[in-house]
Amino acid sequence: MKPTQLASVLIKILGLSVLIHSIPGLITALANFGRAGTVGSVEAYPLSSIRMAVVGLLLVSNSRTVTERMFKNEPE
């Protein structure tokens, strides 16, 4: 397996791991959706989980682009 292929697979695994770690926060965000009067610290956890989910999706979907940018100066 070439290093670029391995890097692409590892980036996809990283993205899936981030997605899995964001699931509890997403569930909390959905459970508290529409609830008024929340304290700022209570809102921070679901918002950061939503951001983590977006980052995970971007890593999975753009793993080839990230790998190409990492290895653009490397000879094959």
PDB file of N, CA and C in Angstrom:
ATOM      1  N   MET A   1       0.846  -1.174   0.000  1.00  0.00           N
ATOM      2  CA  MET A   1       0.000   0.000   0.000  1.00  0.00           C
ATOM      3  C   MET A   1       0.890   1.235   0.000  1.00  0.00           C
ATOM      4  N   LYS A   2       0.577   2.168  -0.877  1.00  0.00           N
ATOM      5  CA  LYS A   2       1.356   3.403  -0.980  1.00  0.00           C
ATOM      6  C   LYS A   2       1.073   4.300   0.231  1.00  0.00           C
ATOM      7  N   PRO A   3       2.040   5.154   0.567  1.00  0.00           N
ATOM      8  CA  PRO A   3       1.831   6.054   1.706  1.00  0.00           C
ATOM      9  C   PRO A   3       0.623   6.974   1.536  1.00  0.00           C
ATOM     10  N   THR A   4       0.350   7.417   0.314  1.00  0.00           N
ATOM     11  CA  THR A   4      -0.802   8.296   0.109  1.00  0.00           C
ATOM     12  C   THR A   4      -2.113   7.552   0.338  1.00  0.00           C
ATOM     13  N   GLN A   5      -2.164   6.286  -0.064  1.00  0.00           N
ATOM     14  CA  GLN A   5      -3.374   5.497   0.171  1.00  0.00           C
ATOM     15  C   GLN A   5      -3.576   5.260   1.659  1.00  0.00           C
ATOM     16  N   LEU A   6      -2.491   4.938   2.350  1.00  0.00           N
ATOM     17  CA  LEU A   6      -2.565   4.719   3.793  1.00  0.00           C
ATOM     18  C   LEU A   6      -2.998   5.989   4.513  1.00  0.00           C
ATOM     19  N   ALA A   7      -2.445   7.127   4.101  1.00  0.00           N
ATOM     20  CA  ALA A   7      -2.821   8.391   4.722  1.00  0.00           C
ATOM     21  C   ALA A   7      -4.303   8.690   4.487  1.00  0.00           C
ATOM     22  N   SER A   8      -4.794   8.399   3.307  1.00  0.00           N
ATOM     23  CA  SER A   8      -6.206   8.635   3.003  1.00  0.00           C
ATOM     24  C   SER A   8      -7.099   7.770   3.883  1.00  0.00           C
ATOM     25  N   VAL A   9      -6.731   6.507   4.059  1.00  0.00           N
ATOM     26  CA  VAL A   9      -7.509   5.610   4.917  1.00  0.00           C
ATOM     27  C   VAL A   9      -7.477   6.083   6.363  1.00  0.00           C
ATOM     28  N   LEU A  10      -6.314   6.499   6.838  1.00  0.00           N
ATOM     29  CA  LEU A  10      -6.196   6.965   8.221  1.00  0.00           C
ATOM     30  C   LEU A  10      -6.984   8.254   8.449  1.00  0.00           C
ATOM     31  N   ILE A  11      -7.033   9.131   7.460  1.00  0.00           N
ATOM     32  CA  ILE A  11      -7.821  10.358   7.587  1.00  0.00           C
ATOM     33  C   ILE A  11      -9.305  10.021   7.642  1.00  0.00           C
ATOM     34  N   LYS A  12      -9.739   9.044   6.856  1.00  0.00           N
ATOM     35  CA  LYS A  12     -11.148   8.622   6.915  1.00  0.00           C
ATOM     36  C   LYS A  12     -11.475   8.024   8.278  1.00  0.00           C
ATOM     37  N   ILE A  13     -10.563   7.225   8.826  1.00  0.00           N
ATOM     38  CA  ILE A  13     -10.779   6.649  10.152  1.00  0.00           C
ATOM     39  C   ILE A  13     -10.842   7.750  11.205  1.00  0.00           C
ATOM     40  N   LEU A  14      -9.983   8.749  11.095  1.00  0.00           N
ATOM     41  CA  LEU A  14     -10.021   9.887  12.015  1.00  0.00           C
ATOM     42  C   LEU A  14     -11.356  10.612  11.924  1.00  0.00           C
ATOM     43  N   GLY A  15     -11.846  10.825  10.705  1.00  0.00           N
ATOM     44  CA  GLY A  15     -13.127  11.486  10.522  1.00  0.00           C
ATOM     45  C   GLY A  15     -14.275  10.690  11.120  1.00  0.00           C
ATOM     46  N   LEU A  16     -14.254   9.373  10.937  1.00  0.00           N
ATOM     47  CA  LEU A  16     -15.297   8.528  11.528  1.00  0.00           C
ATOM     48  C   LEU A  16     -15.228   8.548  13.046  1.00  0.00           C
ATOM     49  N   SER A  17     -14.014   8.583  13.598  1.00  0.00           N
ATOM     50  CA  SER A  17     -13.861   8.648  15.047  1.00  0.00           C
ATOM     51  C   SER A  17     -14.429   9.951  15.597  1.00  0.00           C
ATOM     52  N   VAL A  18     -14.159  11.051  14.913  1.00  0.00           N
ATOM     53  CA  VAL A  18     -14.695  12.344  15.341  1.00  0.00           C
ATOM     54  C   VAL A  18     -16.218  12.329  15.278  1.00  0.00           C
ATOM     55  N   LEU A  19     -16.773  11.731  14.211  1.00  0.00           N
ATOM     56  CA  LEU A  19     -18.227  11.632  14.088  1.00  0.00           C
ATOM     57  C   LEU A  19     -18.831  10.829  15.238  1.00  0.00           C
ATOM     58  N   ILE A  20     -18.217   9.721  15.569  1.00  0.00           N
ATOM     59  CA  ILE A  20     -18.730   8.878  16.653  1.00  0.00           C
ATOM     60  C   ILE A  20     -18.670   9.611  17.986  1.00  0.00           C
ATOM     61  N   HIS A  21     -17.598  10.365  18.217  1.00  0.00           N
ATOM     62  CA  HIS A  21     -17.483  11.101  19.479  1.00  0.00           C
ATOM     63  C   HIS A  21     -18.472  12.263  19.571  1.00  0.00           C
ATOM     64  N   SER A  22     -18.998  12.716  18.450  1.00  0.00           N
ATOM     65  CA  SER A  22     -19.938  13.832  18.484  1.00  0.00           C
ATOM     66  C   SER A  22     -21.383  13.381  18.681  1.00  0.00           C
ATOM     67  N   ILE A  23     -21.654  12.096  18.612  1.00  0.00           N
ATOM     68  CA  ILE A  23     -23.033  11.592  18.715  1.00  0.00           C
ATOM     69  C   ILE A  23     -23.711  11.964  20.039  1.00  0.00           C
ATOM     70  N   PRO A  24     -23.077  11.792  21.203  1.00  0.00           N
ATOM     71  CA  PRO A  24     -23.771  12.171  22.449  1.00  0.00           C
ATOM     72  C   PRO A  24     -24.164  13.649  22.498  1.00  0.00           C
ATOM     73  N   GLY A  25     -23.307  14.518  22.002  1.00  0.00           N
ATOM     74  CA  GLY A  25     -23.628  15.936  21.979  1.00  0.00           C
ATOM     75  C   GLY A  25     -24.747  16.255  21.015  1.00  0.00           C
ATOM     76  N   LEU A  26     -24.792  15.547  19.892  1.00  0.00           N
ATOM     77  CA  LEU A  26     -25.876  15.752  18.939  1.00  0.00           C
ATOM     78  C   LEU A  26     -27.211  15.308  19.531  1.00  0.00           C
ATOM     79  N   ILE A  27     -27.188  14.217  20.272  1.00  0.00           N
ATOM     80  CA  ILE A  27     -28.410  13.751  20.930  1.00  0.00           C
ATOM     81  C   ILE A  27     -28.860  14.780  21.970  1.00  0.00           C
ATOM     82  N   THR A  28     -27.909  15.330  22.710  1.00  0.00           N
ATOM     83  CA  THR A  28     -28.229  16.363  23.691  1.00  0.00           C
ATOM     84  C   THR A  28     -28.793  17.605  23.013  1.00  0.00           C
ATOM     85  N   ALA A  29     -28.202  17.981  21.882  1.00  0.00           N
ATOM     86  CA  ALA A  29     -28.684  19.156  21.159  1.00  0.00           C
ATOM     87  C   ALA A  29     -30.107  18.938  20.665  1.00  0.00           C
ATOM     88  N   LEU A  30     -30.392  17.754  20.169  1.00  0.00           N
ATOM     89  CA  LEU A  30     -31.747  17.465  19.697  1.00  0.00           C
ATOM     90  C   LEU A  30     -32.738  17.403  20.852  1.00  0.00           C
ATOM     91  N   ALA A  31     -32.311  16.880  21.993  1.00  0.00           N
ATOM     92  CA  ALA A  31     -33.199  16.778  23.152  1.00  0.00           C
ATOM     93  C   ALA A  31     -33.526  18.164  23.716  1.00  0.00           C
ATOM     94  N   ASN A  32     -32.561  19.079  23.647  1.00  0.00           N
ATOM     95  CA  ASN A  32     -32.759  20.420  24.197  1.00  0.00           C
ATOM     96  C   ASN A  32     -33.207  21.429  23.154  1.00  0.00           C
ATOM     97  N   PHE A  33     -33.457  20.987  21.943  1.00  0.00           N
ATOM     98  CA  PHE A  33     -33.849  21.905  20.871  1.00  0.00           C
ATOM     99  C   PHE A  33     -35.173  22.574  21.218  1.00  0.00           C
ATOM    100  N   GLY A  34     -35.183  23.876  21.180  1.00  0.00           N
ATOM    101  CA  GLY A  34     -36.402  24.615  21.468  1.00  0.00           C
ATOM    102  C   GLY A  34     -36.620  24.915  22.936  1.00  0.00           C
ATOM    103  N   ARG A  35     -35.743  24.447  23.789  1.00  0.00           N
ATOM    104  CA  ARG A  35     -35.865  24.724  25.211  1.00  0.00           C
ATOM    105  C   ARG A  35     -35.287  26.100  25.506  1.00  0.00           C
ATOM    106  N   ALA A  36     -36.074  26.975  26.050  1.00  0.00           N
ATOM    107  CA  ALA A  36     -35.648  28.363  26.287  1.00  0.00           C
ATOM    108  C   ALA A  36     -34.995  28.490  27.657  1.00  0.00           C
ATOM    109  N   GLY A  37     -34.169  29.508  27.783  1.00  0.00           N
ATOM    110  CA  GLY A  37     -33.585  29.834  29.080  1.00  0.00           C
ATOM    111  C   GLY A  37     -32.408  28.969  29.470  1.00  0.00           C
ATOM    112  N   THR A  38     -31.666  28.435  28.512  1.00  0.00           N
ATOM    113  CA  THR A  38     -30.515  27.611  28.862  1.00  0.00           C
ATOM    114  C   THR A  38     -29.335  28.490  29.218  1.00  0.00           C
ATOM    115  N   VAL A  39     -28.474  27.969  30.039  1.00  0.00           N
ATOM    116  CA  VAL A  39     -27.271  28.682  30.462  1.00  0.00           C
ATOM    117  C   VAL A  39     -26.217  28.497  29.371  1.00  0.00           C
ATOM    118  N   GLY A  40     -25.322  29.461  29.227  1.00  0.00           N
ATOM    119  CA  GLY A  40     -24.311  29.438  28.176  1.00  0.00           C
ATOM    120  C   GLY A  40     -23.458  28.181  28.166  1.00  0.00           C
ATOM    121  N   SER A  41     -23.063  27.688  29.325  1.00  0.00           N
ATOM    122  CA  SER A  41     -22.217  26.505  29.372  1.00  0.00           C
ATOM    123  C   SER A  41     -22.980  25.252  28.933  1.00  0.00           C
ATOM    124  N   VAL A  42     -24.284  25.245  29.113  1.00  0.00           N
ATOM    125  CA  VAL A  42     -25.075  24.096  28.692  1.00  0.00           C
ATOM    126  C   VAL A  42     -25.163  24.057  27.164  1.00  0.00           C
ATOM    127  N   GLU A  43     -25.199  25.232  26.529  1.00  0.00           N
ATOM    128  CA  GLU A  43     -25.285  25.300  25.082  1.00  0.00           C
ATOM    129  C   GLU A  43     -23.954  24.999  24.403  1.00  0.00           C
ATOM    130  N   ALA A  44     -22.858  25.188  25.091  1.00  0.00           N
ATOM    131  CA  ALA A  44     -21.540  25.035  24.474  1.00  0.00           C
ATOM    132  C   ALA A  44     -21.270  23.593  24.063  1.00  0.00           C
ATOM    133  N   TYR A  45     -21.672  22.633  24.870  1.00  0.00           N
ATOM    134  CA  TYR A  45     -21.401  21.234  24.554  1.00  0.00           C
ATOM    135  C   TYR A  45     -22.113  20.778  23.285  1.00  0.00           C
ATOM    136  N   PRO A  46     -23.412  21.023  23.126  1.00  0.00           N
ATOM    137  CA  PRO A  46     -24.056  20.618  21.873  1.00  0.00           C
ATOM    138  C   PRO A  46     -23.518  21.369  20.649  1.00  0.00           C
ATOM    139  N   LEU A  47     -23.206  22.641  20.799  1.00  0.00           N
ATOM    140  CA  LEU A  47     -22.667  23.394  19.662  1.00  0.00           C
ATOM    141  C   LEU A  47     -21.303  22.880  19.239  1.00  0.00           C
ATOM    142  N   SER A  48     -20.470  22.557  20.202  1.00  0.00           N
ATOM    143  CA  SER A  48     -19.157  22.005  19.846  1.00  0.00           C
ATOM    144  C   SER A  48     -19.303  20.621  19.227  1.00  0.00           C
ATOM    145  N   SER A  49     -20.309  19.869  19.646  1.00  0.00           N
ATOM    146  CA  SER A  49     -20.537  18.554  19.050  1.00  0.00           C
ATOM    147  C   SER A  49     -21.015  18.679  17.607  1.00  0.00           C
ATOM    148  N   ILE A  50     -21.815  19.685  17.330  1.00  0.00           N
ATOM    149  CA  ILE A  50     -22.251  19.916  15.951  1.00  0.00           C
ATOM    150  C   ILE A  50     -21.047  20.287  15.086  1.00  0.00           C
ATOM    151  N   ARG A  51     -20.171  21.116  15.624  1.00  0.00           N
ATOM    152  CA  ARG A  51     -18.952  21.461  14.881  1.00  0.00           C
ATOM    153  C   ARG A  51     -18.079  20.230  14.657  1.00  0.00           C
ATOM    154  N   MET A  52     -17.959  19.387  15.672  1.00  0.00           N
ATOM    155  CA  MET A  52     -17.177  18.163  15.519  1.00  0.00           C
ATOM    156  C   MET A  52     -17.761  17.265  14.438  1.00  0.00           C
ATOM    157  N   ALA A  53     -19.081  17.163  14.386  1.00  0.00           N
ATOM    158  CA  ALA A  53     -19.726  16.336  13.363  1.00  0.00           C
ATOM    159  C   ALA A  53     -19.438  16.881  11.972  1.00  0.00           C
ATOM    160  N   VAL A  54     -19.464  18.197  11.825  1.00  0.00           N
ATOM    161  CA  VAL A  54     -19.170  18.804  10.526  1.00  0.00           C
ATOM    162  C   VAL A  54     -17.721  18.542  10.129  1.00  0.00           C
ATOM    163  N   VAL A  55     -16.801  18.688  11.077  1.00  0.00           N
ATOM    164  CA  VAL A  55     -15.392  18.421  10.793  1.00  0.00           C
ATOM    165  C   VAL A  55     -15.191  16.957  10.414  1.00  0.00           C
ATOM    166  N   GLY A  56     -15.855  16.051  11.122  1.00  0.00           N
ATOM    167  CA  GLY A  56     -15.747  14.634  10.795  1.00  0.00           C
ATOM    168  C   GLY A  56     -16.259  14.328   9.403  1.00  0.00           C
ATOM    169  N   LEU A  57     -17.397  14.910   9.047  1.00  0.00           N
ATOM    170  CA  LEU A  57     -17.936  14.709   7.699  1.00  0.00           C
ATOM    171  C   LEU A  57     -16.996  15.263   6.632  1.00  0.00           C
ATOM    172  N   LEU A  58     -16.416  16.420   6.904  1.00  0.00           N
ATOM    173  CA  LEU A  58     -15.478  17.000   5.946  1.00  0.00           C
ATOM    174  C   LEU A  58     -14.227  16.149   5.800  1.00  0.00           C
ATOM    175  N   LEU A  59     -13.732  15.597   6.897  1.00  0.00           N
ATOM    176  CA  LEU A  59     -12.555  14.735   6.809  1.00  0.00           C
ATOM    177  C   LEU A  59     -12.844  13.471   6.002  1.00  0.00           C
ATOM    178  N   VAL A  60     -14.001  12.875   6.228  1.00  0.00           N
ATOM    179  CA  VAL A  60     -14.346  11.657   5.501  1.00  0.00           C
ATOM    180  C   VAL A  60     -14.547  11.959   4.022  1.00  0.00           C
ATOM    181  N   SER A  61     -15.267  13.024   3.721  1.00  0.00           N
ATOM    182  CA  SER A  61     -15.583  13.308   2.326  1.00  0.00           C
ATOM    183  C   SER A  61     -14.403  13.889   1.544  1.00  0.00           C
ATOM    184  N   ASN A  62     -13.501  14.578   2.220  1.00  0.00           N
ATOM    185  CA  ASN A  62     -12.381  15.221   1.528  1.00  0.00           C
ATOM    186  C   ASN A  62     -11.034  14.603   1.877  1.00  0.00           C
ATOM    187  N   SER A  63     -11.014  13.340   2.234  1.00  0.00           N
ATOM    188  CA  SER A  63      -9.755  12.717   2.651  1.00  0.00           C
ATOM    189  C   SER A  63      -8.729  12.696   1.523  1.00  0.00           C
ATOM    190  N   ARG A  64      -9.184  12.512   0.306  1.00  0.00           N
ATOM    191  CA  ARG A  64      -8.250  12.491  -0.826  1.00  0.00           C
ATOM    192  C   ARG A  64      -7.618  13.869  -1.027  1.00  0.00           C
ATOM    193  N   THR A  65      -8.400  14.917  -0.899  1.00  0.00           N
ATOM    194  CA  THR A  65      -7.875  16.273  -1.062  1.00  0.00           C
ATOM    195  C   THR A  65      -6.883  16.607   0.049  1.00  0.00           C
ATOM    196  N   VAL A  66      -7.206  16.223   1.269  1.00  0.00           N
ATOM    197  CA  VAL A  66      -6.297  16.466   2.398  1.00  0.00           C
ATOM    198  C   VAL A  66      -4.993  15.710   2.183  1.00  0.00           C
ATOM    199  N   THR A  67      -5.091  14.475   1.712  1.00  0.00           N
ATOM    200  CA  THR A  67      -3.894  13.673   1.456  1.00  0.00           C
ATOM    201  C   THR A  67      -3.047  14.283   0.353  1.00  0.00           C
ATOM    202  N   GLU A  68      -3.683  14.752  -0.705  1.00  0.00           N
ATOM    203  CA  GLU A  68      -2.931  15.389  -1.790  1.00  0.00           C
ATOM    204  C   GLU A  68      -2.211  16.632  -1.301  1.00  0.00           C
ATOM    205  N   ARG A  69      -2.835  17.404  -0.438  1.00  0.00           N
ATOM    206  CA  ARG A  69      -2.180  18.599   0.100  1.00  0.00           C
ATOM    207  C   ARG A  69      -1.022  18.236   1.018  1.00  0.00           C
ATOM    208  N   MET A  70      -1.161  17.146   1.754  1.00  0.00           N
ATOM    209  CA  MET A  70      -0.085  16.716   2.646  1.00  0.00           C
ATOM    210  C   MET A  70       1.129  16.235   1.854  1.00  0.00           C
ATOM    211  N   PHE A  71       0.903  15.568   0.736  1.00  0.00           N
ATOM    212  CA  PHE A  71       1.976  14.942  -0.012  1.00  0.00           C
ATOM    213  C   PHE A  71       2.291  15.659  -1.322  1.00  0.00           C
ATOM    214  N   LYS A  72       1.944  16.935  -1.460  1.00  0.00           N
ATOM    215  CA  LYS A  72       2.135  17.607  -2.744  1.00  0.00           C
ATOM    216  C   LYS A  72       3.602  17.826  -3.078  1.00  0.00           C
ATOM    217  N   ASN A  73       4.487  17.908  -2.113  1.00  0.00           N
ATOM    218  CA  ASN A  73       5.917  18.102  -2.365  1.00  0.00           C
ATOM    219  C   ASN A  73       6.707  16.799  -2.280  1.00  0.00           C
ATOM    220  N   GLU A  74       6.050  15.691  -2.027  1.00  0.00           N
ATOM    221  CA  GLU A  74       6.722  14.401  -1.900  1.00  0.00           C
ATOM    222  C   GLU A  74       6.805  13.701  -3.252  1.00  0.00           C
ATOM    223  N   PRO A  75       7.937  13.120  -3.576  1.00  0.00           N
ATOM    224  CA  PRO A  75       7.993  12.285  -4.794  1.00  0.00           C
ATOM    225  C   PRO A  75       7.288  10.958  -4.538  1.00  0.00           C
ATOM    226  N   GLU A  76       6.713  10.377  -5.581  1.00  0.00           N
ATOM    227  CA  GLU A  76       5.972   9.115  -5.394  1.00  0.00           C
ATOM    228  C   GLU A  76       6.846   7.921  -5.422  1.00  0.00           C
TER     229      GLU A  76
END
